[in-house]
């Protein structure tokens, strides 16, 4: 199944505030993190949902394997 593409502006609305979805992007894929208690209200430590977190992962105490827990819902349009 081909994943739908979303722009950065469309992703930004999925921040748990403007729209109920809580999504983040990583390496071009968009993940639904809404089921995670760590993303309650669209905030995870100093990170906000609706953003591309690719460049921020280096500072995280976990690796990219954390994304394996979540479902990819789309691709970030470049």
PDB file of N, CA and C in Angstrom:
ATOM      1  N   UNK A   1       0.837  -1.196   0.000  1.00  0.00           N
ATOM      2  CA  UNK A   1       0.000   0.000   0.000  1.00  0.00           C
ATOM      3  C   UNK A   1       0.874   1.249   0.000  1.00  0.00           C
ATOM      4  N   UNK A   2       0.574   2.162  -0.878  1.00  0.00           N
ATOM      5  CA  UNK A   2       1.328   3.407  -0.977  1.00  0.00           C
ATOM      6  C   UNK A   2       0.837   4.385   0.094  1.00  0.00           C
ATOM      7  N   UNK A   3       1.758   4.932   0.852  1.00  0.00           N
ATOM      8  CA  UNK A   3       1.388   5.894   1.887  1.00  0.00           C
ATOM      9  C   UNK A   3       1.084   7.251   1.266  1.00  0.00           C
ATOM     10  N   UNK A   4       0.074   7.950   1.781  1.00  0.00           N
ATOM     11  CA  UNK A   4      -0.221   9.288   1.263  1.00  0.00           C
ATOM     12  C   UNK A   4       0.883  10.272   1.642  1.00  0.00           C
ATOM     13  N   UNK A   5       1.015  11.321   0.845  1.00  0.00           N
ATOM     14  CA  UNK A   5       2.007  12.358   1.131  1.00  0.00           C
ATOM     15  C   UNK A   5       1.343  13.544   1.818  1.00  0.00           C
ATOM     16  N   UNK A   6       2.080  14.136   2.743  1.00  0.00           N
ATOM     17  CA  UNK A   6       1.612  15.315   3.457  1.00  0.00           C
ATOM     18  C   UNK A   6       2.699  16.379   3.415  1.00  0.00           C
ATOM     19  N   UNK A   7       2.291  17.637   3.325  1.00  0.00           N
ATOM     20  CA  UNK A   7       3.254  18.738   3.367  1.00  0.00           C
ATOM     21  C   UNK A   7       3.618  19.019   4.824  1.00  0.00           C
ATOM     22  N   UNK A   8       4.675  19.818   5.007  1.00  0.00           N
ATOM     23  CA  UNK A   8       5.052  20.218   6.366  1.00  0.00           C
ATOM     24  C   UNK A   8       3.924  21.000   7.039  1.00  0.00           C
ATOM     25  N   UNK A   9       3.170  21.770   6.225  1.00  0.00           N
ATOM     26  CA  UNK A   9       2.047  22.531   6.781  1.00  0.00           C
ATOM     27  C   UNK A   9       0.937  21.593   7.261  1.00  0.00           C
ATOM     28  N   UNK A  10       0.665  20.541   6.488  1.00  0.00           N
ATOM     29  CA  UNK A  10      -0.354  19.567   6.896  1.00  0.00           C
ATOM     30  C   UNK A  10       0.100  18.810   8.143  1.00  0.00           C
ATOM     31  N   UNK A  11       1.375  18.462   8.192  1.00  0.00           N
ATOM     32  CA  UNK A  11       1.923  17.793   9.368  1.00  0.00           C
ATOM     33  C   UNK A  11       1.792  18.688  10.593  1.00  0.00           C
ATOM     34  N   UNK A  12       2.067  19.971  10.425  1.00  0.00           N
ATOM     35  CA  UNK A  12       2.041  20.911  11.554  1.00  0.00           C
ATOM     36  C   UNK A  12       0.679  20.971  12.237  1.00  0.00           C
ATOM     37  N   UNK A  13      -0.385  20.707  11.497  1.00  0.00           N
ATOM     38  CA  UNK A  13      -1.730  20.730  12.088  1.00  0.00           C
ATOM     39  C   UNK A  13      -2.002  19.494  12.948  1.00  0.00           C
ATOM     40  N   UNK A  14      -1.214  18.442  12.760  1.00  0.00           N
ATOM     41  CA  UNK A  14      -1.417  17.198  13.528  1.00  0.00           C
ATOM     42  C   UNK A  14      -0.573  17.241  14.793  1.00  0.00           C
ATOM     43  N   UNK A  15      -0.825  18.272  15.593  1.00  0.00           N
ATOM     44  CA  UNK A  15       0.000  18.512  16.772  1.00  0.00           C
ATOM     45  C   UNK A  15      -0.731  18.223  18.083  1.00  0.00           C
ATOM     46  N   UNK A  16      -1.923  17.631  17.987  1.00  0.00           N
ATOM     47  CA  UNK A  16      -2.688  17.331  19.186  1.00  0.00           C
ATOM     48  C   UNK A  16      -3.485  18.513  19.701  1.00  0.00           C
ATOM     49  N   UNK A  17      -3.318  19.671  19.069  1.00  0.00           N
ATOM     50  CA  UNK A  17      -4.039  20.881  19.470  1.00  0.00           C
ATOM     51  C   UNK A  17      -4.995  21.317  18.352  1.00  0.00           C
ATOM     52  N   UNK A  18      -4.452  21.623  17.180  1.00  0.00           N
ATOM     53  CA  UNK A  18      -5.273  22.083  16.058  1.00  0.00           C
ATOM     54  C   UNK A  18      -6.172  20.976  15.513  1.00  0.00           C
ATOM     55  N   UNK A  19      -5.629  19.782  15.458  1.00  0.00           N
ATOM     56  CA  UNK A  19      -6.380  18.592  15.041  1.00  0.00           C
ATOM     57  C   UNK A  19      -6.098  17.508  16.077  1.00  0.00           C
ATOM     58  N   UNK A  20      -6.998  16.535  16.197  1.00  0.00           N
ATOM     59  CA  UNK A  20      -6.794  15.524  17.253  1.00  0.00           C
ATOM     60  C   UNK A  20      -5.614  14.590  17.018  1.00  0.00           C
ATOM     61  N   UNK A  21      -5.164  14.449  15.764  1.00  0.00           N
ATOM     62  CA  UNK A  21      -4.045  13.534  15.508  1.00  0.00           C
ATOM     63  C   UNK A  21      -2.749  14.087  16.116  1.00  0.00           C
ATOM     64  N   UNK A  22      -1.893  13.167  16.539  1.00  0.00           N
ATOM     65  CA  UNK A  22      -0.577  13.525  17.074  1.00  0.00           C
ATOM     66  C   UNK A  22       0.443  12.783  16.221  1.00  0.00           C
ATOM     67  N   UNK A  23       1.044  13.509  15.282  1.00  0.00           N
ATOM     68  CA  UNK A  23       1.964  12.921  14.314  1.00  0.00           C
ATOM     69  C   UNK A  23       3.325  13.590  14.413  1.00  0.00           C
ATOM     70  N   UNK A  24       4.374  12.816  14.117  1.00  0.00           N
ATOM     71  CA  UNK A  24       5.726  13.368  13.960  1.00  0.00           C
ATOM     72  C   UNK A  24       6.351  12.718  12.730  1.00  0.00           C
ATOM     73  N   UNK A  25       7.303  13.402  12.144  1.00  0.00           N
ATOM     74  CA  UNK A  25       8.018  12.863  10.990  1.00  0.00           C
ATOM     75  C   UNK A  25       9.438  12.501  11.398  1.00  0.00           C
ATOM     76  N   UNK A  26       9.960  11.446  10.746  1.00  0.00           N
ATOM     77  CA  UNK A  26      11.350  11.046  10.937  1.00  0.00           C
ATOM     78  C   UNK A  26      11.834  10.393   9.652  1.00  0.00           C
ATOM     79  N   UNK A  27      12.921  10.915   9.106  1.00  0.00           N
ATOM     80  CA  UNK A  27      13.517  10.403   7.867  1.00  0.00           C
ATOM     81  C   UNK A  27      12.499  10.248   6.737  1.00  0.00           C
ATOM     82  N   UNK A  28      11.618  11.237   6.617  1.00  0.00           N
ATOM     83  CA  UNK A  28      10.677  11.259   5.504  1.00  0.00           C
ATOM     84  C   UNK A  28       9.380  10.508   5.729  1.00  0.00           C
ATOM     85  N   UNK A  29       9.275   9.766   6.837  1.00  0.00           N
ATOM     86  CA  UNK A  29       8.029   9.067   7.147  1.00  0.00           C
ATOM     87  C   UNK A  29       7.307   9.788   8.285  1.00  0.00           C
ATOM     88  N   UNK A  30       5.990   9.752   8.239  1.00  0.00           N
ATOM     89  CA  UNK A  30       5.176  10.372   9.279  1.00  0.00           C
ATOM     90  C   UNK A  30       4.565   9.261  10.124  1.00  0.00           C
ATOM     91  N   UNK A  31       4.746   9.385  11.431  1.00  0.00           N
ATOM     92  CA  UNK A  31       4.260   8.380  12.369  1.00  0.00           C
ATOM     93  C   UNK A  31       3.158   8.951  13.251  1.00  0.00           C
ATOM     94  N   UNK A  32       2.177   8.089  13.549  1.00  0.00           N
ATOM     95  CA  UNK A  32       1.111   8.444  14.475  1.00  0.00           C
ATOM     96  C   UNK A  32       1.565   8.041  15.874  1.00  0.00           C
ATOM     97  N   UNK A  33       1.871   9.030  16.728  1.00  0.00           N
ATOM     98  CA  UNK A  33       2.337   8.752  18.086  1.00  0.00           C
ATOM     99  C   UNK A  33       1.230   9.012  19.115  1.00  0.00           C
ATOM    100  N   UNK A  34       0.008   9.153  18.638  1.00  0.00           N
ATOM    101  CA  UNK A  34      -1.123   9.481  19.503  1.00  0.00           C
ATOM    102  C   UNK A  34      -1.436   8.452  20.574  1.00  0.00           C
ATOM    103  N   UNK A  35      -1.035   7.199  20.352  1.00  0.00           N
ATOM    104  CA  UNK A  35      -1.310   6.149  21.351  1.00  0.00           C
ATOM    105  C   UNK A  35      -0.312   6.180  22.504  1.00  0.00           C
ATOM    106  N   UNK A  36       0.777   6.902  22.339  1.00  0.00           N
ATOM    107  CA  UNK A  36       1.828   6.913  23.357  1.00  0.00           C
ATOM    108  C   UNK A  36       1.491   7.888  24.479  1.00  0.00           C
ATOM    109  N   UNK A  37       1.569   7.399  25.721  1.00  0.00           N
ATOM    110  CA  UNK A  37       1.325   8.297  26.865  1.00  0.00           C
ATOM    111  C   UNK A  37       2.418   9.363  26.954  1.00  0.00           C
ATOM    112  N   UNK A  38       3.580   9.107  26.317  1.00  0.00           N
ATOM    113  CA  UNK A  38       4.675  10.077  26.347  1.00  0.00           C
ATOM    114  C   UNK A  38       4.427  11.264  25.422  1.00  0.00           C
ATOM    115  N   UNK A  39       3.407  11.151  24.562  1.00  0.00           N
ATOM    116  CA  UNK A  39       3.074  12.239  23.645  1.00  0.00           C
ATOM    117  C   UNK A  39       1.735  12.886  24.003  1.00  0.00           C
ATOM    118  N   UNK A  40       1.320  12.764  25.253  1.00  0.00           N
ATOM    119  CA  UNK A  40       0.050  13.314  25.694  1.00  0.00           C
ATOM    120  C   UNK A  40      -0.021  14.806  25.346  1.00  0.00           C
ATOM    121  N   UNK A  41      -1.133  15.239  24.802  1.00  0.00           N
ATOM    122  CA  UNK A  41      -1.351  16.640  24.410  1.00  0.00           C
ATOM    123  C   UNK A  41      -0.378  17.129  23.336  1.00  0.00           C
ATOM    124  N   UNK A  42       0.308  16.196  22.653  1.00  0.00           N
ATOM    125  CA  UNK A  42       1.183  16.599  21.557  1.00  0.00           C
ATOM    126  C   UNK A  42       2.542  17.101  21.981  1.00  0.00           C
ATOM    127  N   UNK A  43       2.920  16.890  23.240  1.00  0.00           N
ATOM    128  CA  UNK A  43       4.229  17.329  23.714  1.00  0.00           C
ATOM    129  C   UNK A  43       4.973  16.139  24.320  1.00  0.00           C
ATOM    130  N   UNK A  44       6.256  16.044  23.998  1.00  0.00           N
ATOM    131  CA  UNK A  44       7.113  14.972  24.514  1.00  0.00           C
ATOM    132  C   UNK A  44       8.410  15.628  24.956  1.00  0.00           C
ATOM    133  N   UNK A  45       8.570  15.794  26.265  1.00  0.00           N
ATOM    134  CA  UNK A  45       9.695  16.546  26.807  1.00  0.00           C
ATOM    135  C   UNK A  45       9.726  17.919  26.134  1.00  0.00           C
ATOM    136  N   UNK A  46      10.815  18.287  25.469  1.00  0.00           N
ATOM    137  CA  UNK A  46      10.810  19.624  24.843  1.00  0.00           C
ATOM    138  C   UNK A  46      10.393  19.590  23.381  1.00  0.00           C
ATOM    139  N   UNK A  47       9.873  18.468  22.921  1.00  0.00           N
ATOM    140  CA  UNK A  47       9.474  18.324  21.521  1.00  0.00           C
ATOM    141  C   UNK A  47       7.966  18.450  21.369  1.00  0.00           C
ATOM    142  N   UNK A  48       7.562  19.058  20.272  1.00  0.00           N
ATOM    143  CA  UNK A  48       6.138  19.189  19.961  1.00  0.00           C
ATOM    144  C   UNK A  48       5.812  18.328  18.759  1.00  0.00           C
ATOM    145  N   UNK A  49       4.613  17.766  18.770  1.00  0.00           N
ATOM    146  CA  UNK A  49       4.146  16.988  17.627  1.00  0.00           C
ATOM    147  C   UNK A  49       3.896  17.920  16.448  1.00  0.00           C
ATOM    148  N   UNK A  50       3.711  17.325  15.282  1.00  0.00           N
ATOM    149  CA  UNK A  50       3.469  18.120  14.083  1.00  0.00           C
ATOM    150  C   UNK A  50       4.751  18.595  13.428  1.00  0.00           C
ATOM    151  N   UNK A  51       5.885  18.020  13.835  1.00  0.00           N
ATOM    152  CA  UNK A  51       7.172  18.468  13.306  1.00  0.00           C
ATOM    153  C   UNK A  51       7.995  17.296  12.797  1.00  0.00           C
ATOM    154  N   UNK A  52       8.993  17.629  11.991  1.00  0.00           N
ATOM    155  CA  UNK A  52       9.988  16.668  11.536  1.00  0.00           C
ATOM    156  C   UNK A  52      11.069  16.605  12.616  1.00  0.00           C
ATOM    157  N   UNK A  53      11.208  15.458  13.259  1.00  0.00           N
ATOM    158  CA  UNK A  53      12.159  15.321  14.366  1.00  0.00           C
ATOM    159  C   UNK A  53      13.473  14.674  13.939  1.00  0.00           C
ATOM    160  N   UNK A  54      13.709  14.539  12.647  1.00  0.00           N
ATOM    161  CA  UNK A  54      14.917  13.876  12.155  1.00  0.00           C
ATOM    162  C   UNK A  54      16.178  14.474  12.772  1.00  0.00           C
ATOM    163  N   UNK A  55      16.308  15.793  12.737  1.00  0.00           N
ATOM    164  CA  UNK A  55      17.527  16.441  13.233  1.00  0.00           C
ATOM    165  C   UNK A  55      17.615  16.450  14.756  1.00  0.00           C
ATOM    166  N   UNK A  56      16.486  16.228  15.431  1.00  0.00           N
ATOM    167  CA  UNK A  56      16.486  16.298  16.891  1.00  0.00           C
ATOM    168  C   UNK A  56      16.787  14.957  17.549  1.00  0.00           C
ATOM    169  N   UNK A  57      16.741  13.872  16.787  1.00  0.00           N
ATOM    170  CA  UNK A  57      16.918  12.554  17.398  1.00  0.00           C
ATOM    171  C   UNK A  57      18.303  12.370  18.011  1.00  0.00           C
ATOM    172  N   UNK A  58      19.297  13.023  17.460  1.00  0.00           N
ATOM    173  CA  UNK A  58      20.666  12.871  17.977  1.00  0.00           C
ATOM    174  C   UNK A  58      20.749  13.248  19.452  1.00  0.00           C
ATOM    175  N   UNK A  59      19.903  14.169  19.904  1.00  0.00           N
ATOM    176  CA  UNK A  59      19.911  14.616  21.302  1.00  0.00           C
ATOM    177  C   UNK A  59      19.044  13.745  22.208  1.00  0.00           C
ATOM    178  N   UNK A  60      18.296  12.816  21.629  1.00  0.00           N
ATOM    179  CA  UNK A  60      17.363  12.004  22.421  1.00  0.00           C
ATOM    180  C   UNK A  60      18.099  10.886  23.150  1.00  0.00           C
ATOM    181  N   UNK A  61      17.557  10.456  24.296  1.00  0.00           N
ATOM    182  CA  UNK A  61      18.188   9.362  25.043  1.00  0.00           C
ATOM    183  C   UNK A  61      17.849   7.984  24.469  1.00  0.00           C
ATOM    184  N   UNK A  62      17.156   7.960  23.335  1.00  0.00           N
ATOM    185  CA  UNK A  62      16.801   6.690  22.708  1.00  0.00           C
ATOM    186  C   UNK A  62      17.223   6.726  21.244  1.00  0.00           C
ATOM    187  N   UNK A  63      17.189   5.566  20.598  1.00  0.00           N
ATOM    188  CA  UNK A  63      17.585   5.485  19.191  1.00  0.00           C
ATOM    189  C   UNK A  63      16.347   5.514  18.296  1.00  0.00           C
ATOM    190  N   UNK A  64      16.593   5.458  17.000  1.00  0.00           N
ATOM    191  CA  UNK A  64      15.488   5.502  16.036  1.00  0.00           C
ATOM    192  C   UNK A  64      14.600   4.268  16.112  1.00  0.00           C
ATOM    193  N   UNK A  65      15.033   3.207  16.810  1.00  0.00           N
ATOM    194  CA  UNK A  65      14.195   2.012  16.927  1.00  0.00           C
ATOM    195  C   UNK A  65      12.885   2.329  17.648  1.00  0.00           C
ATOM    196  N   UNK A  66      12.836   3.454  18.357  1.00  0.00           N
ATOM    197  CA  UNK A  66      11.601   3.857  19.037  1.00  0.00           C
ATOM    198  C   UNK A  66      10.453   3.991  18.025  1.00  0.00           C
ATOM    199  N   UNK A  67      10.760   4.336  16.785  1.00  0.00           N
ATOM    200  CA  UNK A  67       9.716   4.517  15.771  1.00  0.00           C
ATOM    201  C   UNK A  67       9.097   3.195  15.323  1.00  0.00           C
ATOM    202  N   UNK A  68       9.755   2.077  15.619  1.00  0.00           N
ATOM    203  CA  UNK A  68       9.206   0.768  15.239  1.00  0.00           C
ATOM    204  C   UNK A  68       7.899   0.470  15.973  1.00  0.00           C
ATOM    205  N   UNK A  69       7.692   1.139  17.116  1.00  0.00           N
ATOM    206  CA  UNK A  69       6.461   0.940  17.898  1.00  0.00           C
ATOM    207  C   UNK A  69       5.246   1.600  17.261  1.00  0.00           C
ATOM    208  N   UNK A  70       5.506   2.548  16.369  1.00  0.00           N
ATOM    209  CA  UNK A  70       4.422   3.365  15.824  1.00  0.00           C
ATOM    210  C   UNK A  70       4.122   3.029  14.372  1.00  0.00           C
ATOM    211  N   UNK A  71       2.910   3.325  13.960  1.00  0.00           N
ATOM    212  CA  UNK A  71       2.474   3.071  12.592  1.00  0.00           C
ATOM    213  C   UNK A  71       2.814   4.265  11.719  1.00  0.00           C
ATOM    214  N   UNK A  72       3.446   4.002  10.584  1.00  0.00           N
ATOM    215  CA  UNK A  72       3.683   5.068   9.607  1.00  0.00           C
ATOM    216  C   UNK A  72       2.366   5.346   8.898  1.00  0.00           C
ATOM    217  N   UNK A  73       1.952   6.612   8.896  1.00  0.00           N
ATOM    218  CA  UNK A  73       0.664   6.990   8.305  1.00  0.00           C
ATOM    219  C   UNK A  73       0.832   7.770   7.003  1.00  0.00           C
ATOM    220  N   UNK A  74       2.063   8.173   6.693  1.00  0.00           N
ATOM    221  CA  UNK A  74       2.277   8.935   5.471  1.00  0.00           C
ATOM    222  C   UNK A  74       3.743   9.228   5.241  1.00  0.00           C
ATOM    223  N   UNK A  75       3.972   9.950   4.156  1.00  0.00           N
ATOM    224  CA  UNK A  75       5.310  10.399   3.795  1.00  0.00           C
ATOM    225  C   UNK A  75       5.313  11.915   3.812  1.00  0.00           C
ATOM    226  N   UNK A  76       6.452  12.474   4.237  1.00  0.00           N
ATOM    227  CA  UNK A  76       6.600  13.925   4.240  1.00  0.00           C
ATOM    228  C   UNK A  76       6.996  14.375   2.845  1.00  0.00           C
ATOM    229  N   UNK A  77       6.184  15.250   2.276  1.00  0.00           N
ATOM    230  CA  UNK A  77       6.462  15.764   0.942  1.00  0.00           C
ATOM    231  C   UNK A  77       7.691  16.658   1.027  1.00  0.00           C
ATOM    232  N   UNK A  78       8.676  16.420   0.168  1.00  0.00           N
ATOM    233  CA  UNK A  78       9.914  17.218   0.248  1.00  0.00           C
ATOM    234  C   UNK A  78       9.801  18.513  -0.517  1.00  0.00           C
TER     235      UNK A  78
END
